[in-house]
Amino acid sequence: MDADNVIPFEQPKPVSGFSGIPMKSDLVEQAAVIVPDPQVLINMVSKRVQQLNTGRAPLIDTVPSMGAADIALTEIIEGKVKLAEQPNG
């Protein structure tokens, strides 16, 4: 393949103001103590990351090295984000 035919591919940049840094495993372990069901924890983190990426403000103090998942996990650990009670019926 000739170099003239090569189109450079650039990695997409994160859309949100939060870096695309992978979440820290120690935060996952701490959050798992609070929300022991892994599927529920994943859903909570996913929903909160979606909210953060669409402009919702973090409920905790953040540092630039925190990704959106780290923020969501820390919010769960600190009790700022909780699972909503579903009515029976």
N, C-alpha and C. Protein backbone atom coordinates (compact mmCIF):
# COMPACT_ATOMS: atom_id res chain seq x y z
N MET A 1 0.86 -1.18 0.00
CA MET A 1 0.00 0.00 0.00
C MET A 1 0.90 1.24 0.00
N ASP A 2 0.63 2.16 -0.88
CA ASP A 2 1.41 3.38 -0.97
C ASP A 2 1.07 4.31 0.18
N ALA A 3 2.05 5.07 0.61
CA ALA A 3 1.84 6.03 1.69
C ALA A 3 0.82 7.09 1.31
N ASP A 4 0.66 7.32 -0.01
CA ASP A 4 -0.31 8.31 -0.47
C ASP A 4 -1.75 7.87 -0.21
N ASN A 5 -1.96 6.56 -0.08
CA ASN A 5 -3.30 6.03 0.12
C ASN A 5 -3.67 5.86 1.59
N VAL A 6 -2.75 6.15 2.50
CA VAL A 6 -2.98 5.93 3.92
C VAL A 6 -3.59 7.19 4.54
N ILE A 7 -4.69 6.98 5.20
CA ILE A 7 -5.35 8.08 5.91
C ILE A 7 -5.06 7.90 7.39
N PRO A 8 -4.48 8.90 8.04
CA PRO A 8 -4.18 8.75 9.47
C PRO A 8 -5.46 8.64 10.29
N PHE A 9 -5.42 7.76 11.26
CA PHE A 9 -6.56 7.54 12.13
C PHE A 9 -6.23 8.14 13.49
N GLU A 10 -7.07 9.04 13.96
CA GLU A 10 -6.88 9.64 15.27
C GLU A 10 -7.89 9.05 16.24
N GLN A 11 -7.43 8.77 17.45
CA GLN A 11 -8.33 8.27 18.48
C GLN A 11 -9.32 9.38 18.82
N PRO A 12 -10.61 9.03 18.95
CA PRO A 12 -11.59 10.05 19.33
C PRO A 12 -11.30 10.54 20.75
N LYS A 13 -11.51 11.82 20.94
CA LYS A 13 -11.31 12.40 22.26
C LYS A 13 -12.61 12.25 23.06
N PRO A 14 -12.50 12.10 24.40
CA PRO A 14 -13.72 11.99 25.20
C PRO A 14 -14.60 13.22 24.98
N VAL A 15 -15.90 13.00 24.88
CA VAL A 15 -16.84 14.08 24.64
C VAL A 15 -17.00 14.93 25.89
N SER A 16 -16.97 14.29 27.05
CA SER A 16 -17.18 15.02 28.30
C SER A 16 -15.90 15.71 28.73
N GLY A 17 -16.00 16.48 29.79
CA GLY A 17 -14.84 17.13 30.36
C GLY A 17 -14.02 16.19 31.22
N PHE A 18 -14.45 14.94 31.35
CA PHE A 18 -13.76 13.98 32.18
C PHE A 18 -12.88 13.10 31.32
N SER A 19 -11.71 12.79 31.85
CA SER A 19 -10.77 11.99 31.08
C SER A 19 -11.28 10.58 30.88
N GLY A 20 -10.72 9.89 29.91
CA GLY A 20 -11.09 8.51 29.63
C GLY A 20 -10.23 7.53 30.40
N ILE A 21 -9.77 7.92 31.58
CA ILE A 21 -8.90 7.08 32.40
C ILE A 21 -9.71 5.93 32.97
N PRO A 22 -9.18 4.70 32.93
CA PRO A 22 -9.92 3.56 33.51
C PRO A 22 -10.15 3.75 35.00
N MET A 23 -11.25 3.19 35.50
CA MET A 23 -11.56 3.35 36.92
C MET A 23 -10.57 2.56 37.78
N LYS A 24 -10.41 3.03 38.99
CA LYS A 24 -9.46 2.42 39.92
C LYS A 24 -10.12 1.23 40.64
N SER A 25 -9.40 0.11 40.69
CA SER A 25 -9.97 -1.11 41.26
C SER A 25 -10.28 -0.97 42.75
N ASP A 26 -9.51 -0.15 43.47
CA ASP A 26 -9.80 0.02 44.90
C ASP A 26 -11.15 0.70 45.10
N LEU A 27 -11.52 1.59 44.20
CA LEU A 27 -12.83 2.23 44.30
C LEU A 27 -13.94 1.22 44.02
N VAL A 28 -13.70 0.34 43.06
CA VAL A 28 -14.69 -0.70 42.76
C VAL A 28 -14.90 -1.58 43.98
N GLU A 29 -13.81 -1.98 44.63
CA GLU A 29 -13.91 -2.84 45.82
C GLU A 29 -14.66 -2.15 46.94
N GLN A 30 -14.38 -0.86 47.16
CA GLN A 30 -15.07 -0.12 48.22
C GLN A 30 -16.56 0.04 47.91
N ALA A 31 -16.88 0.32 46.66
CA ALA A 31 -18.28 0.49 46.27
C ALA A 31 -19.03 -0.84 46.35
N ALA A 32 -18.32 -1.95 46.09
CA ALA A 32 -18.95 -3.27 46.14
C ALA A 32 -19.37 -3.65 47.55
N VAL A 33 -18.75 -3.05 48.56
CA VAL A 33 -19.17 -3.27 49.94
C VAL A 33 -20.54 -2.63 50.16
N ILE A 34 -20.76 -1.48 49.54
CA ILE A 34 -22.01 -0.73 49.70
C ILE A 34 -23.11 -1.32 48.82
N VAL A 35 -22.75 -1.68 47.58
CA VAL A 35 -23.70 -2.27 46.63
C VAL A 35 -23.14 -3.64 46.24
N PRO A 36 -23.48 -4.68 46.99
CA PRO A 36 -22.85 -5.99 46.78
C PRO A 36 -23.24 -6.71 45.49
N ASP A 37 -24.37 -6.37 44.89
CA ASP A 37 -24.78 -7.02 43.64
C ASP A 37 -24.02 -6.36 42.48
N PRO A 38 -23.12 -7.10 41.81
CA PRO A 38 -22.30 -6.50 40.74
C PRO A 38 -23.12 -5.90 39.61
N GLN A 39 -24.23 -6.54 39.24
CA GLN A 39 -25.05 -5.99 38.16
C GLN A 39 -25.67 -4.66 38.53
N VAL A 40 -26.12 -4.55 39.77
CA VAL A 40 -26.71 -3.30 40.24
C VAL A 40 -25.64 -2.21 40.30
N LEU A 41 -24.46 -2.55 40.80
CA LEU A 41 -23.37 -1.58 40.88
C LEU A 41 -22.99 -1.09 39.47
N ILE A 42 -22.87 -2.01 38.53
CA ILE A 42 -22.54 -1.63 37.15
C ILE A 42 -23.60 -0.70 36.58
N ASN A 43 -24.85 -1.02 36.82
CA ASN A 43 -25.94 -0.16 36.31
C ASN A 43 -25.92 1.22 36.95
N MET A 44 -25.65 1.27 38.25
CA MET A 44 -25.58 2.56 38.94
C MET A 44 -24.44 3.41 38.39
N VAL A 45 -23.27 2.81 38.25
CA VAL A 45 -22.11 3.54 37.75
C VAL A 45 -22.36 3.98 36.31
N SER A 46 -22.90 3.10 35.49
CA SER A 46 -23.16 3.43 34.09
C SER A 46 -24.12 4.61 33.96
N LYS A 47 -25.20 4.57 34.73
CA LYS A 47 -26.19 5.65 34.69
C LYS A 47 -25.58 6.97 35.14
N ARG A 48 -24.78 6.92 36.21
CA ARG A 48 -24.18 8.15 36.72
C ARG A 48 -23.13 8.69 35.75
N VAL A 49 -22.34 7.80 35.14
CA VAL A 49 -21.35 8.23 34.15
C VAL A 49 -22.07 8.92 32.98
N GLN A 50 -23.19 8.34 32.56
CA GLN A 50 -23.97 8.96 31.48
C GLN A 50 -24.42 10.36 31.88
N GLN A 51 -24.89 10.51 33.12
CA GLN A 51 -25.31 11.83 33.60
C GLN A 51 -24.15 12.81 33.61
N LEU A 52 -22.99 12.37 34.11
CA LEU A 52 -21.82 13.24 34.16
C LEU A 52 -21.38 13.65 32.76
N ASN A 53 -21.41 12.70 31.83
CA ASN A 53 -20.98 12.98 30.46
C ASN A 53 -21.93 13.90 29.70
N THR A 54 -23.16 14.00 30.18
CA THR A 54 -24.12 14.91 29.53
C THR A 54 -24.23 16.24 30.27
N GLY A 55 -23.32 16.48 31.21
CA GLY A 55 -23.24 17.81 31.81
C GLY A 55 -23.64 17.93 33.27
N ARG A 56 -24.12 16.86 33.89
CA ARG A 56 -24.46 16.95 35.31
C ARG A 56 -23.19 17.19 36.11
N ALA A 57 -23.28 17.99 37.14
CA ALA A 57 -22.13 18.32 37.96
C ALA A 57 -21.82 17.20 38.95
N PRO A 58 -20.54 16.94 39.20
CA PRO A 58 -20.17 15.96 40.23
C PRO A 58 -20.68 16.41 41.60
N LEU A 59 -21.00 15.44 42.43
CA LEU A 59 -21.49 15.72 43.79
C LEU A 59 -20.37 15.70 44.81
N ILE A 60 -19.13 15.53 44.33
CA ILE A 60 -17.95 15.48 45.19
C ILE A 60 -16.89 16.40 44.62
N ASP A 61 -15.89 16.70 45.43
CA ASP A 61 -14.73 17.43 44.92
C ASP A 61 -13.93 16.47 44.05
N THR A 62 -13.50 16.95 42.89
CA THR A 62 -12.76 16.10 41.96
C THR A 62 -11.38 16.66 41.70
N VAL A 63 -10.53 15.80 41.14
CA VAL A 63 -9.21 16.21 40.68
C VAL A 63 -9.11 15.82 39.21
N PRO A 64 -8.24 16.48 38.45
CA PRO A 64 -8.18 16.21 37.01
C PRO A 64 -7.89 14.75 36.63
N SER A 65 -7.25 14.01 37.51
CA SER A 65 -6.91 12.62 37.17
C SER A 65 -8.10 11.66 37.33
N MET A 66 -9.22 12.15 37.83
CA MET A 66 -10.40 11.28 38.02
C MET A 66 -11.19 11.18 36.74
N GLY A 67 -11.50 9.96 36.33
CA GLY A 67 -12.40 9.74 35.21
C GLY A 67 -13.84 9.77 35.72
N ALA A 68 -14.79 9.75 34.80
CA ALA A 68 -16.20 9.80 35.18
C ALA A 68 -16.59 8.60 36.04
N ALA A 69 -16.03 7.42 35.75
CA ALA A 69 -16.35 6.23 36.54
C ALA A 69 -15.80 6.37 37.96
N ASP A 70 -14.61 6.95 38.12
CA ASP A 70 -14.05 7.19 39.45
C ASP A 70 -14.95 8.13 40.24
N ILE A 71 -15.44 9.15 39.57
CA ILE A 71 -16.33 10.11 40.23
C ILE A 71 -17.61 9.40 40.67
N ALA A 72 -18.19 8.61 39.78
CA ALA A 72 -19.43 7.89 40.11
C ALA A 72 -19.21 6.93 41.28
N LEU A 73 -18.12 6.18 41.25
CA LEU A 73 -17.83 5.23 42.34
C LEU A 73 -17.62 5.97 43.66
N THR A 74 -16.89 7.08 43.62
CA THR A 74 -16.65 7.85 44.85
C THR A 74 -17.96 8.41 45.39
N GLU A 75 -18.84 8.85 44.51
CA GLU A 75 -20.14 9.35 44.95
C GLU A 75 -20.94 8.25 45.64
N ILE A 76 -20.86 7.02 45.12
CA ILE A 76 -21.54 5.89 45.75
C ILE A 76 -20.92 5.59 47.11
N ILE A 77 -19.60 5.57 47.16
CA ILE A 77 -18.88 5.28 48.42
C ILE A 77 -19.22 6.31 49.49
N GLU A 78 -19.30 7.58 49.10
CA GLU A 78 -19.58 8.65 50.06
C GLU A 78 -21.07 8.82 50.34
N GLY A 79 -21.92 8.00 49.74
CA GLY A 79 -23.35 8.09 50.01
C GLY A 79 -24.06 9.21 49.30
N LYS A 80 -23.43 9.82 48.31
CA LYS A 80 -24.05 10.91 47.56
C LYS A 80 -25.02 10.38 46.50
N VAL A 81 -24.77 9.16 46.02
CA VAL A 81 -25.63 8.51 45.04
C VAL A 81 -26.09 7.19 45.64
N LYS A 82 -27.40 7.00 45.69
CA LYS A 82 -27.96 5.78 46.28
C LYS A 82 -28.95 5.15 45.32
N LEU A 83 -29.20 3.89 45.51
CA LEU A 83 -30.18 3.16 44.72
C LEU A 83 -31.57 3.61 45.16
N ALA A 84 -32.41 4.00 44.21
CA ALA A 84 -33.77 4.44 44.52
C ALA A 84 -34.62 3.24 44.94
N GLU A 85 -35.43 3.44 45.94
CA GLU A 85 -36.36 2.41 46.38
C GLU A 85 -37.47 2.29 45.35
N GLN A 86 -37.76 1.08 44.91
CA GLN A 86 -38.83 0.84 43.97
C GLN A 86 -40.09 0.44 44.73
N PRO A 87 -41.23 1.05 44.41
CA PRO A 87 -42.47 0.66 45.09
C PRO A 87 -42.85 -0.77 44.75
N ASN A 88 -43.37 -1.49 45.73
CA ASN A 88 -43.83 -2.86 45.49
C ASN A 88 -45.17 -2.82 44.81
N GLY A 89 -45.35 -3.70 43.85
CA GLY A 89 -46.65 -3.73 43.24
C GLY A 89 -46.60 -3.90 41.83
